[in-house]
Amino acid sequence: MALQSTRKSALVDQVIEQLRGQISDGEWAVGSRIPTESELSELLGVGRNTIREGVRALAHAGLLEIRQGAGTFVVGHSEVTAAVRRRIAASPASDAMEVRRGLEVEAARLAARRRNEADVTRLRVLLSEREATHQAGDTEAFIAADIALHQAVAEAGHNRLLIDLYSELADSLRETVRAGAGPNLAAAPHIDHTRAVEAIIAGDPELAAAETIAYLRELIED
């Protein structure tokens, strides 16, 4: 829908709100490239300079990243999660791990209370994939499967803020898993998540939290 206003500053504000809405609603996912200036100009019915100012404002806020020669990409769902991402990047790995531990325990507890049938099916599939990739010794596939399982647990709790915060820890989590796997995945200790996932599926919040604490303790000790 074309935007209407008599003042350029108001038009820029409207562009910012429109683009922010596209991002926060998930129409443009994190990592995706947004339409070009000319495409956005036609879509919103405003000049390219107005589009450029709105995009720059959102890039400054941390939602978008302008990559010369490649386009403009979504890097955060909101100003809050963008700020969290920057803070995580500037923090020691040990601090990120402690925050991850707190989020994972609460995510497991909420998931056990709120998971639905679709969540249960997804958790079973992802747990199976995690086990299969570890058994196959495929490090990169195992890392991807492990992160996907953890994210699915967070999503099964149906708390949008927790989901967004956990997703911002993904890069730190990926490096933690890679470090734990080492150069030889088959030789690395396998931190089994089966009991935690089964507790979530069974709908037992306290057992899910306890089993999550148990595997995190094992991970940290290793």
C-alpha atoms as a PDB file:
ATOM      1  CA  MET A   1       0.000   0.000   0.000  1.00  0.00           C
ATOM      2  CA  ALA A   2       1.376   3.415  -0.934  1.00  0.00           C
ATOM      3  CA  LEU A   3       2.234   5.743   1.941  1.00  0.00           C
ATOM      4  CA  GLN A   4       0.780   9.250   2.067  1.00  0.00           C
ATOM      5  CA  SER A   5       2.121  12.316   3.869  1.00  0.00           C
ATOM      6  CA  THR A   6       2.879  15.948   3.136  1.00  0.00           C
ATOM      7  CA  ARG A   7       6.184  16.062   5.055  1.00  0.00           C
ATOM      8  CA  LYS A   8       9.262  14.115   4.030  1.00  0.00           C
ATOM      9  CA  SER A   9      10.241  13.408   7.653  1.00  0.00           C
ATOM     10  CA  ALA A  10       6.809  11.902   8.262  1.00  0.00           C
ATOM     11  CA  LEU A  11       7.164   9.807   5.118  1.00  0.00           C
ATOM     12  CA  VAL A  12      10.516   8.499   6.324  1.00  0.00           C
ATOM     13  CA  ASP A  13       8.935   7.607   9.671  1.00  0.00           C
ATOM     14  CA  GLN A  14       6.181   5.733   7.845  1.00  0.00           C
ATOM     15  CA  VAL A  15       8.737   3.861   5.734  1.00  0.00           C
ATOM     16  CA  ILE A  16      10.636   2.888   8.879  1.00  0.00           C
ATOM     17  CA  GLU A  17       7.465   1.589  10.535  1.00  0.00           C
ATOM     18  CA  GLN A  18       6.416  -0.299   7.411  1.00  0.00           C
ATOM     19  CA  LEU A  19       9.798  -1.993   7.019  1.00  0.00           C
ATOM     20  CA  ARG A  20      10.047  -2.703  10.733  1.00  0.00           C
ATOM     21  CA  GLY A  21       6.646  -4.390  10.548  1.00  0.00           C
ATOM     22  CA  GLN A  22       7.737  -6.586   7.642  1.00  0.00           C
ATOM     23  CA  ILE A  23      10.728  -7.731   9.690  1.00  0.00           C
ATOM     24  CA  SER A  24       9.016  -8.229  13.047  1.00  0.00           C
ATOM     25  CA  ASP A  25       6.134 -10.125  11.430  1.00  0.00           C
ATOM     26  CA  GLY A  26       8.621 -12.523   9.856  1.00  0.00           C
ATOM     27  CA  GLU A  27       7.798 -11.641   6.259  1.00  0.00           C
ATOM     28  CA  TRP A  28      11.507 -10.989   5.829  1.00  0.00           C
ATOM     29  CA  ALA A  29      13.409 -13.554   7.870  1.00  0.00           C
ATOM     30  CA  VAL A  30      16.747 -12.941   9.523  1.00  0.00           C
ATOM     31  CA  GLY A  31      19.435 -13.594   6.924  1.00  0.00           C
ATOM     32  CA  SER A  32      17.204 -12.778   3.958  1.00  0.00           C
ATOM     33  CA  ARG A  33      17.756  -9.943   1.488  1.00  0.00           C
ATOM     34  CA  ILE A  34      15.042  -7.303   1.375  1.00  0.00           C
ATOM     35  CA  PRO A  35      13.723  -5.859  -1.920  1.00  0.00           C
ATOM     36  CA  THR A  36      15.848  -3.269  -3.724  1.00  0.00           C
ATOM     37  CA  GLU A  37      15.381   0.479  -3.308  1.00  0.00           C
ATOM     38  CA  SER A  38      13.513   0.713  -6.605  1.00  0.00           C
ATOM     39  CA  GLU A  39      11.240  -2.200  -5.674  1.00  0.00           C
ATOM     40  CA  LEU A  40      10.465  -0.687  -2.265  1.00  0.00           C
ATOM     41  CA  SER A  41       9.923   2.712  -3.844  1.00  0.00           C
ATOM     42  CA  GLU A  42       7.322   1.256  -6.183  1.00  0.00           C
ATOM     43  CA  LEU A  43       5.719  -0.822  -3.463  1.00  0.00           C
ATOM     44  CA  LEU A  44       5.343   2.050  -0.979  1.00  0.00           C
ATOM     45  CA  GLY A  45       4.800   4.847  -3.490  1.00  0.00           C
ATOM     46  CA  VAL A  46       7.598   7.083  -2.217  1.00  0.00           C
ATOM     47  CA  GLY A  47      10.887   8.283  -3.663  1.00  0.00           C
ATOM     48  CA  ARG A  48      14.083   6.272  -3.524  1.00  0.00           C
ATOM     49  CA  ASN A  49      15.749   8.892  -1.302  1.00  0.00           C
ATOM     50  CA  THR A  50      12.998   8.399   1.280  1.00  0.00           C
ATOM     51  CA  ILE A  51      13.464   4.627   1.087  1.00  0.00           C
ATOM     52  CA  ARG A  52      17.227   5.060   1.459  1.00  0.00           C
ATOM     53  CA  GLU A  53      16.822   7.166   4.618  1.00  0.00           C
ATOM     54  CA  GLY A  54      14.453   4.621   6.154  1.00  0.00           C
ATOM     55  CA  VAL A  55      16.773   1.722   5.355  1.00  0.00           C
ATOM     56  CA  ARG A  56      19.758   3.588   6.807  1.00  0.00           C
ATOM     57  CA  ALA A  57      17.827   4.279  10.010  1.00  0.00           C
ATOM     58  CA  LEU A  58      17.018   0.595  10.437  1.00  0.00           C
ATOM     59  CA  ALA A  59      20.611  -0.333   9.621  1.00  0.00           C
ATOM     60  CA  HIS A  60      21.764   2.057  12.357  1.00  0.00           C
ATOM     61  CA  ALA A  61      19.260   0.425  14.739  1.00  0.00           C
ATOM     62  CA  GLY A  62      20.758  -2.998  13.955  1.00  0.00           C
ATOM     63  CA  LEU A  63      17.837  -4.581  12.103  1.00  0.00           C
ATOM     64  CA  LEU A  64      19.378  -4.318   8.631  1.00  0.00           C
ATOM     65  CA  GLU A  65      22.879  -4.590   7.213  1.00  0.00           C
ATOM     66  CA  ILE A  66      23.801  -2.858   3.955  1.00  0.00           C
ATOM     67  CA  ARG A  67      26.338  -4.916   2.023  1.00  0.00           C
ATOM     68  CA  GLN A  68      27.868  -3.112  -0.902  1.00  0.00           C
ATOM     69  CA  GLY A  69      27.272  -4.973  -4.151  1.00  0.00           C
ATOM     70  CA  ALA A  70      25.070  -7.605  -2.489  1.00  0.00           C
ATOM     71  CA  GLY A  71      22.048  -5.745  -1.169  1.00  0.00           C
ATOM     72  CA  THR A  72      20.478  -5.121   2.231  1.00  0.00           C
ATOM     73  CA  PHE A  73      19.936  -8.023   4.613  1.00  0.00           C
ATOM     74  CA  VAL A  74      17.884  -8.584   7.758  1.00  0.00           C
ATOM     75  CA  VAL A  75      20.128  -9.185  10.775  1.00  0.00           C
ATOM     76  CA  GLY A  76      17.679  -8.781  13.671  1.00  0.00           C
ATOM     77  CA  HIS A  77      13.951  -9.130  14.426  1.00  0.00           C
ATOM     78  CA  SER A  78      13.807  -5.932  16.472  1.00  0.00           C
ATOM     79  CA  GLU A  79      15.969  -3.226  18.003  1.00  0.00           C
ATOM     80  CA  VAL A  80      15.968  -5.215  21.244  1.00  0.00           C
ATOM     81  CA  THR A  81      17.270  -8.448  19.732  1.00  0.00           C
ATOM     82  CA  ALA A  82      19.741  -6.511  17.578  1.00  0.00           C
ATOM     83  CA  ALA A  83      21.130  -4.899  20.728  1.00  0.00           C
ATOM     84  CA  VAL A  84      21.286  -8.296  22.422  1.00  0.00           C
ATOM     85  CA  ARG A  85      23.228  -9.711  19.455  1.00  0.00           C
ATOM     86  CA  ARG A  86      25.804  -6.910  19.684  1.00  0.00           C
ATOM     87  CA  ARG A  87      26.094  -7.405  23.450  1.00  0.00           C
ATOM     88  CA  ILE A  88      26.612 -11.154  23.067  1.00  0.00           C
ATOM     89  CA  ALA A  89      29.291 -10.598  20.433  1.00  0.00           C
ATOM     90  CA  ALA A  90      31.178  -8.343  22.856  1.00  0.00           C
ATOM     91  CA  SER A  91      30.875 -10.736  25.820  1.00  0.00           C
ATOM     92  CA  PRO A  92      33.180 -13.569  26.961  1.00  0.00           C
ATOM     93  CA  ALA A  93      32.104 -17.040  25.896  1.00  0.00           C
ATOM     94  CA  SER A  94      31.693 -18.019  29.565  1.00  0.00           C
ATOM     95  CA  ASP A  95      29.116 -15.245  30.067  1.00  0.00           C
ATOM     96  CA  ALA A  96      27.192 -16.377  26.979  1.00  0.00           C
ATOM     97  CA  MET A  97      27.249 -19.942  28.304  1.00  0.00           C
ATOM     98  CA  GLU A  98      25.773 -18.878  31.647  1.00  0.00           C
ATOM     99  CA  VAL A  99      22.988 -16.970  29.914  1.00  0.00           C
ATOM    100  CA  ARG A 100      22.389 -19.928  27.616  1.00  0.00           C
ATOM    101  CA  ARG A 101      22.061 -22.202  30.644  1.00  0.00           C
ATOM    102  CA  GLY A 102      19.410 -19.994  32.212  1.00  0.00           C
ATOM    103  CA  LEU A 103      17.445 -19.718  28.985  1.00  0.00           C
ATOM    104  CA  GLU A 104      17.626 -23.443  28.233  1.00  0.00           C
ATOM    105  CA  VAL A 105      16.354 -24.481  31.646  1.00  0.00           C
ATOM    106  CA  GLU A 106      13.407 -22.090  31.478  1.00  0.00           C
ATOM    107  CA  ALA A 107      12.767 -23.022  27.830  1.00  0.00           C
ATOM    108  CA  ALA A 108      12.541 -26.703  28.790  1.00  0.00           C
ATOM    109  CA  ARG A 109      10.174 -25.929  31.651  1.00  0.00           C
ATOM    110  CA  LEU A 110       7.876 -23.818  29.446  1.00  0.00           C
ATOM    111  CA  ALA A 111       8.016 -26.339  26.604  1.00  0.00           C
ATOM    112  CA  ALA A 112       6.845 -29.122  28.908  1.00  0.00           C
ATOM    113  CA  ARG A 113       3.854 -26.995  29.914  1.00  0.00           C
ATOM    114  CA  ARG A 114       2.887 -25.633  26.509  1.00  0.00           C
ATOM    115  CA  ARG A 115       4.043 -28.030  23.779  1.00  0.00           C
ATOM    116  CA  ASN A 116       1.416 -29.089  21.282  1.00  0.00           C
ATOM    117  CA  GLU A 117       1.248 -32.098  18.969  1.00  0.00           C
ATOM    118  CA  ALA A 118       3.152 -30.309  16.213  1.00  0.00           C
ATOM    119  CA  ASP A 119       5.901 -29.436  18.693  1.00  0.00           C
ATOM    120  CA  VAL A 120       6.099 -33.042  19.898  1.00  0.00           C
ATOM    121  CA  THR A 121       6.440 -34.341  16.352  1.00  0.00           C
ATOM    122  CA  ARG A 122       9.142 -31.809  15.546  1.00  0.00           C
ATOM    123  CA  LEU A 123      11.081 -32.554  18.733  1.00  0.00           C
ATOM    124  CA  ARG A 124      11.075 -36.283  18.011  1.00  0.00           C
ATOM    125  CA  VAL A 125      12.285 -35.734  14.435  1.00  0.00           C
ATOM    126  CA  LEU A 126      15.052 -33.326  15.452  1.00  0.00           C
ATOM    127  CA  LEU A 127      16.217 -35.525  18.335  1.00  0.00           C
ATOM    128  CA  SER A 128      16.454 -38.440  15.903  1.00  0.00           C
ATOM    129  CA  GLU A 129      18.431 -36.300  13.446  1.00  0.00           C
ATOM    130  CA  ARG A 130      20.798 -35.189  16.205  1.00  0.00           C
ATOM    131  CA  GLU A 131      21.473 -38.797  17.193  1.00  0.00           C
ATOM    132  CA  ALA A 132      21.893 -39.941  13.578  1.00  0.00           C
ATOM    133  CA  THR A 133      24.361 -37.197  12.663  1.00  0.00           C
ATOM    134  CA  HIS A 134      26.446 -37.891  15.762  1.00  0.00           C
ATOM    135  CA  GLN A 135      26.535 -41.595  15.000  1.00  0.00           C
ATOM    136  CA  ALA A 136      27.570 -40.812  11.420  1.00  0.00           C
ATOM    137  CA  GLY A 137      30.408 -38.597  12.674  1.00  0.00           C
ATOM    138  CA  ASP A 138      29.297 -35.659  10.525  1.00  0.00           C
ATOM    139  CA  THR A 139      30.396 -32.677  12.624  1.00  0.00           C
ATOM    140  CA  GLU A 140      28.737 -29.857  10.681  1.00  0.00           C
ATOM    141  CA  ALA A 141      25.470 -31.772  10.279  1.00  0.00           C
ATOM    142  CA  PHE A 142      25.522 -32.589  13.998  1.00  0.00           C
ATOM    143  CA  ILE A 143      26.046 -28.932  14.924  1.00  0.00           C
ATOM    144  CA  ALA A 144      23.125 -27.894  12.730  1.00  0.00           C
ATOM    145  CA  ALA A 145      20.911 -30.649  14.177  1.00  0.00           C
ATOM    146  CA  ASP A 146      21.869 -29.786  17.754  1.00  0.00           C
ATOM    147  CA  ILE A 147      21.089 -26.096  17.300  1.00  0.00           C
ATOM    148  CA  ALA A 148      17.807 -26.907  15.533  1.00  0.00           C
ATOM    149  CA  LEU A 149      16.743 -29.122  18.443  1.00  0.00           C
ATOM    150  CA  HIS A 150      17.526 -26.460  21.042  1.00  0.00           C
ATOM    151  CA  GLN A 151      15.671 -23.836  19.021  1.00  0.00           C
ATOM    152  CA  ALA A 152      12.684 -26.182  18.713  1.00  0.00           C
ATOM    153  CA  VAL A 153      12.586 -26.566  22.503  1.00  0.00           C
ATOM    154  CA  ALA A 154      12.538 -22.783  22.861  1.00  0.00           C
ATOM    155  CA  GLU A 155       9.770 -22.505  20.262  1.00  0.00           C
ATOM    156  CA  ALA A 156       7.719 -25.198  21.990  1.00  0.00           C
ATOM    157  CA  GLY A 157       7.440 -22.863  24.989  1.00  0.00           C
ATOM    158  CA  HIS A 158       5.547 -20.353  22.819  1.00  0.00           C
ATOM    159  CA  ASN A 159       7.183 -17.327  24.458  1.00  0.00           C
ATOM    160  CA  ARG A 160       8.127 -14.978  21.612  1.00  0.00           C
ATOM    161  CA  LEU A 161      10.709 -13.022  23.609  1.00  0.00           C
ATOM    162  CA  LEU A 162      12.496 -16.144  24.839  1.00  0.00           C
ATOM    163  CA  ILE A 163      12.506 -17.559  21.291  1.00  0.00           C
ATOM    164  CA  ASP A 164      14.070 -14.369  19.926  1.00  0.00           C
ATOM    165  CA  LEU A 165      16.652 -14.157  22.709  1.00  0.00           C
ATOM    166  CA  TYR A 166      17.649 -17.785  22.245  1.00  0.00           C
ATOM    167  CA  SER A 167      17.980 -17.371  18.492  1.00  0.00           C
ATOM    168  CA  GLU A 168      20.406 -14.501  19.098  1.00  0.00           C
ATOM    169  CA  LEU A 169      22.641 -16.935  21.002  1.00  0.00           C
ATOM    170  CA  ALA A 170      22.860 -19.220  17.965  1.00  0.00           C
ATOM    171  CA  ASP A 171      26.298 -18.072  16.812  1.00  0.00           C
ATOM    172  CA  SER A 172      27.783 -18.455  20.282  1.00  0.00           C
ATOM    173  CA  LEU A 173      26.038 -21.802  20.685  1.00  0.00           C
ATOM    174  CA  ARG A 174      27.408 -23.015  17.348  1.00  0.00           C
ATOM    175  CA  GLU A 175      30.986 -22.332  18.449  1.00  0.00           C
ATOM    176  CA  THR A 176      30.358 -23.995  21.816  1.00  0.00           C
ATOM    177  CA  VAL A 177      29.086 -27.156  20.119  1.00  0.00           C
ATOM    178  CA  ARG A 178      31.968 -27.127  17.639  1.00  0.00           C
ATOM    179  CA  ALA A 179      34.515 -26.775  20.458  1.00  0.00           C
ATOM    180  CA  GLY A 180      32.875 -29.615  22.379  1.00  0.00           C
ATOM    181  CA  ALA A 181      32.868 -31.862  19.327  1.00  0.00           C
ATOM    182  CA  GLY A 182      36.561 -31.312  18.646  1.00  0.00           C
ATOM    183  CA  PRO A 183      38.328 -32.492  15.513  1.00  0.00           C
ATOM    184  CA  ASN A 184      36.928 -36.014  15.832  1.00  0.00           C
ATOM    185  CA  LEU A 185      33.206 -36.133  16.592  1.00  0.00           C
ATOM    186  CA  ALA A 186      33.175 -39.899  17.064  1.00  0.00           C
ATOM    187  CA  ALA A 187      35.795 -39.623  19.813  1.00  0.00           C
ATOM    188  CA  ALA A 188      34.033 -36.786  21.659  1.00  0.00           C
ATOM    189  CA  PRO A 189      31.753 -37.560  24.634  1.00  0.00           C
ATOM    190  CA  HIS A 190      28.133 -37.634  23.512  1.00  0.00           C
ATOM    191  CA  ILE A 191      25.888 -35.399  25.610  1.00  0.00           C
ATOM    192  CA  ASP A 192      22.565 -37.173  25.257  1.00  0.00           C
ATOM    193  CA  HIS A 193      19.431 -34.975  25.255  1.00  0.00           C
ATOM    194  CA  THR A 194      16.920 -37.818  25.069  1.00  0.00           C
ATOM    195  CA  ARG A 195      15.765 -37.741  28.686  1.00  0.00           C
ATOM    196  CA  ALA A 196      15.235 -33.979  28.636  1.00  0.00           C
ATOM    197  CA  VAL A 197      13.238 -34.133  25.405  1.00  0.00           C
ATOM    198  CA  GLU A 198      11.157 -37.057  26.628  1.00  0.00           C
ATOM    199  CA  ALA A 199      10.339 -35.126  29.813  1.00  0.00           C
ATOM    200  CA  ILE A 200       9.129 -32.219  27.685  1.00  0.00           C
ATOM    201  CA  ILE A 201       7.014 -34.546  25.571  1.00  0.00           C
ATOM    202  CA  ALA A 202       5.606 -36.144  28.749  1.00  0.00           C
ATOM    203  CA  GLY A 203       4.584 -32.710  30.009  1.00  0.00           C
ATOM    204  CA  ASP A 204       6.693 -32.768  33.190  1.00  0.00           C
ATOM    205  CA  PRO A 205       8.142 -29.233  33.645  1.00  0.00           C
ATOM    206  CA  GLU A 206      10.304 -29.934  36.684  1.00  0.00           C
ATOM    207  CA  LEU A 207      11.774 -33.141  35.276  1.00  0.00           C
ATOM    208  CA  ALA A 208      12.441 -31.366  31.970  1.00  0.00           C
ATOM    209  CA  ALA A 209      14.293 -28.615  33.829  1.00  0.00           C
ATOM    210  CA  ALA A 210      16.226 -31.124  35.937  1.00  0.00           C
ATOM    211  CA  GLU A 211      17.283 -33.195  32.916  1.00  0.00           C
ATOM    212  CA  THR A 212      18.348 -30.023  31.092  1.00  0.00           C
ATOM    213  CA  ILE A 213      20.453 -28.974  34.083  1.00  0.00           C
ATOM    214  CA  ALA A 214      21.970 -32.466  34.122  1.00  0.00           C
ATOM    215  CA  TYR A 215      23.161 -32.427  30.520  1.00  0.00           C
ATOM    216  CA  LEU A 216      24.372 -28.826  30.806  1.00  0.00           C
ATOM    217  CA  ARG A 217      26.398 -29.817  33.876  1.00  0.00           C
ATOM    218  CA  GLU A 218      27.859 -32.716  31.936  1.00  0.00           C
ATOM    219  CA  LEU A 219      28.666 -30.392  29.033  1.00  0.00           C
ATOM    220  CA  ILE A 220      30.402 -27.848  31.255  1.00  0.00           C
ATOM    221  CA  GLU A 221      32.385 -30.483  33.134  1.00  0.00           C
ATOM    222  CA  ASP A 222      33.559 -31.965  29.823  1.00  0.00           C
END
